[in-house]
């Protein structure tokens, strides 16, 4: 079997992240909802996908996750 797999994994948000937009000068300004509150992109503890480095067998750490090829071979290509 041959497959295409994206090298990404879940990471846990360490803090609340708000959505931002840029004004005409390129400055970041917070995106606001109808009530004037900042729009939350991620809450602390939420899992989100990040691209990561491809490795042989190590999964990395929670702060620096890696994409192990060994797992892909064992679970997807040669189950």
N, C-alpha and C. Protein backbone atom coordinates (compact mmCIF):
# COMPACT_ATOMS: atom_id res chain seq x y z
N UNK A 1 0.82 -1.19 0.00
CA UNK A 1 0.00 0.00 0.00
C UNK A 1 0.86 1.25 0.00
N UNK A 2 0.39 2.23 -0.70
CA UNK A 2 1.05 3.54 -0.69
C UNK A 2 0.01 4.55 -0.25
N UNK A 3 0.43 5.48 0.58
CA UNK A 3 -0.51 6.49 1.06
C UNK A 3 0.16 7.83 1.22
N UNK A 4 -0.65 8.86 1.21
CA UNK A 4 -0.18 10.21 1.50
C UNK A 4 -0.70 10.58 2.88
N UNK A 5 0.19 10.95 3.76
CA UNK A 5 -0.17 11.29 5.13
C UNK A 5 0.42 12.65 5.47
N UNK A 6 -0.41 13.49 6.06
CA UNK A 6 0.06 14.81 6.47
C UNK A 6 0.80 14.68 7.79
N UNK A 7 1.96 15.30 7.88
CA UNK A 7 2.77 15.25 9.10
C UNK A 7 2.26 16.29 10.08
N UNK A 8 1.20 15.93 10.81
CA UNK A 8 0.65 16.83 11.82
C UNK A 8 0.16 16.01 13.00
N UNK A 9 0.09 16.65 14.12
CA UNK A 9 -0.37 16.00 15.34
C UNK A 9 -1.04 17.02 16.23
N UNK A 10 -1.66 16.55 17.29
CA UNK A 10 -2.35 17.45 18.22
C UNK A 10 -1.39 18.08 19.20
N UNK A 11 -1.67 19.32 19.53
CA UNK A 11 -0.93 20.05 20.55
C UNK A 11 -1.97 20.65 21.48
N UNK A 12 -1.65 20.80 22.75
CA UNK A 12 -2.57 21.34 23.75
C UNK A 12 -2.26 22.82 23.96
N UNK A 13 -3.30 23.66 23.87
CA UNK A 13 -3.12 25.10 24.07
C UNK A 13 -2.75 25.38 25.52
N UNK A 14 -1.71 26.15 25.73
CA UNK A 14 -1.23 26.50 27.07
C UNK A 14 -1.88 27.77 27.61
N UNK A 15 -2.50 28.56 26.72
CA UNK A 15 -3.16 29.79 27.15
C UNK A 15 -4.31 30.10 26.21
N UNK A 16 -5.12 31.06 26.56
CA UNK A 16 -6.23 31.49 25.71
C UNK A 16 -5.65 32.30 24.56
N UNK A 17 -6.09 31.99 23.33
CA UNK A 17 -5.62 32.70 22.14
C UNK A 17 -6.83 33.38 21.50
N UNK A 18 -6.68 34.66 21.21
CA UNK A 18 -7.76 35.44 20.61
C UNK A 18 -7.50 35.63 19.12
N UNK A 19 -8.59 35.76 18.34
CA UNK A 19 -8.46 36.03 16.91
C UNK A 19 -8.07 37.49 16.71
N UNK A 20 -7.21 37.71 15.72
CA UNK A 20 -6.76 39.07 15.39
C UNK A 20 -6.98 39.33 13.91
N UNK A 21 -7.05 40.60 13.57
CA UNK A 21 -7.09 41.03 12.18
C UNK A 21 -6.05 42.13 12.01
N UNK A 22 -5.80 42.51 10.78
CA UNK A 22 -4.85 43.59 10.52
C UNK A 22 -5.60 44.79 9.96
N UNK A 23 -5.17 45.97 10.39
CA UNK A 23 -5.77 47.18 9.84
C UNK A 23 -5.03 47.57 8.56
N UNK A 24 -5.34 48.71 8.00
CA UNK A 24 -4.74 49.15 6.74
C UNK A 24 -3.23 49.34 6.81
N UNK A 25 -2.70 49.64 8.00
CA UNK A 25 -1.27 49.85 8.16
C UNK A 25 -0.52 48.55 8.48
N UNK A 26 -1.25 47.45 8.64
CA UNK A 26 -0.61 46.18 8.95
C UNK A 26 -0.51 45.88 10.43
N UNK A 27 -1.09 46.72 11.28
CA UNK A 27 -1.05 46.50 12.72
C UNK A 27 -2.11 45.48 13.13
N UNK A 28 -1.78 44.64 14.11
CA UNK A 28 -2.74 43.67 14.63
C UNK A 28 -3.74 44.36 15.55
N UNK A 29 -5.03 44.06 15.31
CA UNK A 29 -6.07 44.56 16.20
C UNK A 29 -6.96 43.37 16.57
N UNK A 30 -7.46 43.33 17.80
CA UNK A 30 -8.30 42.18 18.19
C UNK A 30 -9.63 42.19 17.45
N UNK A 31 -10.07 41.00 17.07
CA UNK A 31 -11.37 40.85 16.43
C UNK A 31 -12.43 40.84 17.52
N UNK A 32 -13.49 41.64 17.35
CA UNK A 32 -14.53 41.77 18.37
C UNK A 32 -15.84 41.19 17.86
N UNK A 33 -16.62 40.62 18.79
CA UNK A 33 -17.95 40.12 18.42
C UNK A 33 -18.97 41.25 18.54
N UNK A 34 -20.24 40.92 18.42
CA UNK A 34 -21.29 41.94 18.44
C UNK A 34 -21.40 42.66 19.78
N UNK A 35 -20.98 41.99 20.88
CA UNK A 35 -21.05 42.59 22.22
C UNK A 35 -19.80 43.38 22.56
N UNK A 36 -18.82 43.44 21.66
CA UNK A 36 -17.58 44.16 21.92
C UNK A 36 -16.55 43.33 22.66
N UNK A 37 -16.79 42.03 22.80
CA UNK A 37 -15.83 41.13 23.47
C UNK A 37 -14.88 40.54 22.44
N UNK A 38 -13.65 40.24 22.87
CA UNK A 38 -12.68 39.60 21.98
C UNK A 38 -13.17 38.21 21.61
N UNK A 39 -12.95 37.82 20.36
CA UNK A 39 -13.34 36.50 19.87
C UNK A 39 -12.23 35.51 20.22
N UNK A 40 -12.60 34.44 20.91
CA UNK A 40 -11.62 33.43 21.34
C UNK A 40 -11.39 32.44 20.21
N UNK A 41 -10.11 32.23 19.90
CA UNK A 41 -9.73 31.25 18.88
C UNK A 41 -9.52 29.87 19.52
N UNK A 42 -8.80 29.84 20.68
CA UNK A 42 -8.55 28.60 21.41
C UNK A 42 -8.56 28.89 22.90
N UNK A 43 -9.21 28.02 23.65
CA UNK A 43 -9.16 28.10 25.11
C UNK A 43 -8.00 27.27 25.62
N UNK A 44 -7.57 27.57 26.84
CA UNK A 44 -6.51 26.79 27.46
C UNK A 44 -6.98 25.34 27.61
N UNK A 45 -6.13 24.39 27.20
CA UNK A 45 -6.46 22.98 27.30
C UNK A 45 -7.08 22.38 26.05
N UNK A 46 -7.45 23.22 25.08
CA UNK A 46 -8.01 22.71 23.83
C UNK A 46 -6.92 22.06 22.99
N UNK A 47 -7.26 20.98 22.29
CA UNK A 47 -6.34 20.34 21.36
C UNK A 47 -6.52 20.96 19.99
N UNK A 48 -5.38 21.22 19.30
CA UNK A 48 -5.43 21.74 17.95
C UNK A 48 -4.31 21.11 17.13
N UNK A 49 -4.48 21.06 15.81
CA UNK A 49 -3.51 20.41 14.94
C UNK A 49 -2.39 21.37 14.56
N UNK A 50 -1.16 20.84 14.57
CA UNK A 50 0.02 21.59 14.15
C UNK A 50 0.85 20.71 13.23
N UNK A 51 1.51 21.32 12.26
CA UNK A 51 2.46 20.60 11.43
C UNK A 51 3.70 20.32 12.28
N UNK A 52 4.38 19.21 12.03
CA UNK A 52 5.52 18.88 12.85
C UNK A 52 6.58 18.14 12.05
N UNK A 53 7.73 17.93 12.67
CA UNK A 53 8.85 17.26 12.04
C UNK A 53 8.59 15.76 11.93
N UNK A 54 9.07 15.15 10.85
CA UNK A 54 8.95 13.72 10.65
C UNK A 54 10.17 13.05 11.26
N UNK A 55 9.94 11.99 12.07
CA UNK A 55 11.02 11.26 12.70
C UNK A 55 10.84 9.76 12.46
N UNK A 56 11.78 8.98 12.94
CA UNK A 56 11.70 7.53 12.79
C UNK A 56 10.69 6.90 13.72
N UNK A 57 10.87 7.11 15.04
CA UNK A 57 9.98 6.44 15.98
C UNK A 57 9.57 7.28 17.19
N UNK A 58 10.19 8.42 17.42
CA UNK A 58 9.87 9.21 18.61
C UNK A 58 8.66 10.11 18.37
N UNK A 59 7.82 10.23 19.39
CA UNK A 59 6.63 11.09 19.33
C UNK A 59 6.92 12.51 19.76
N UNK A 60 8.12 12.78 20.28
CA UNK A 60 8.46 14.11 20.74
C UNK A 60 7.87 14.40 22.11
N UNK A 61 7.71 15.68 22.43
CA UNK A 61 7.18 16.11 23.71
C UNK A 61 5.88 16.89 23.48
N UNK A 62 5.10 17.14 24.52
CA UNK A 62 3.88 17.93 24.33
C UNK A 62 4.15 19.33 23.77
N UNK A 63 5.29 19.92 24.10
CA UNK A 63 5.62 21.25 23.58
C UNK A 63 6.19 21.21 22.18
N UNK A 64 6.85 20.11 21.82
CA UNK A 64 7.45 19.96 20.49
C UNK A 64 7.09 18.59 19.93
N UNK A 65 5.84 18.41 19.48
CA UNK A 65 5.44 17.09 18.97
C UNK A 65 6.12 16.76 17.65
N UNK A 66 6.29 15.46 17.41
CA UNK A 66 6.90 14.98 16.18
C UNK A 66 6.00 13.92 15.56
N UNK A 67 6.20 13.65 14.28
CA UNK A 67 5.38 12.69 13.53
C UNK A 67 6.24 11.45 13.25
N UNK A 68 6.01 10.35 14.00
CA UNK A 68 6.83 9.15 13.81
C UNK A 68 6.36 8.30 12.63
N UNK A 69 7.27 7.95 11.74
CA UNK A 69 6.94 7.11 10.60
C UNK A 69 6.68 5.67 11.01
N UNK A 70 7.28 5.23 12.10
CA UNK A 70 7.08 3.85 12.56
C UNK A 70 5.60 3.58 12.81
N UNK A 71 4.90 4.53 13.42
CA UNK A 71 3.48 4.38 13.70
C UNK A 71 2.67 4.28 12.40
N UNK A 72 3.03 5.08 11.41
CA UNK A 72 2.32 5.04 10.12
C UNK A 72 2.49 3.67 9.47
N UNK A 73 3.70 3.15 9.49
CA UNK A 73 3.95 1.83 8.90
C UNK A 73 3.18 0.73 9.65
N UNK A 74 3.20 0.80 10.98
CA UNK A 74 2.55 -0.26 11.78
C UNK A 74 1.02 -0.20 11.70
N UNK A 75 0.44 0.99 11.66
CA UNK A 75 -1.02 1.10 11.73
C UNK A 75 -1.70 1.30 10.38
N UNK A 76 -1.03 1.88 9.42
CA UNK A 76 -1.69 2.21 8.15
C UNK A 76 -1.20 1.35 6.97
N UNK A 77 0.11 1.26 6.79
CA UNK A 77 0.64 0.59 5.60
C UNK A 77 0.70 -0.92 5.77
N UNK A 78 1.20 -1.40 6.92
CA UNK A 78 1.29 -2.84 7.20
C UNK A 78 0.52 -3.18 8.47
N UNK A 79 -0.82 -3.12 8.44
CA UNK A 79 -1.59 -3.38 9.68
C UNK A 79 -1.56 -4.84 10.11
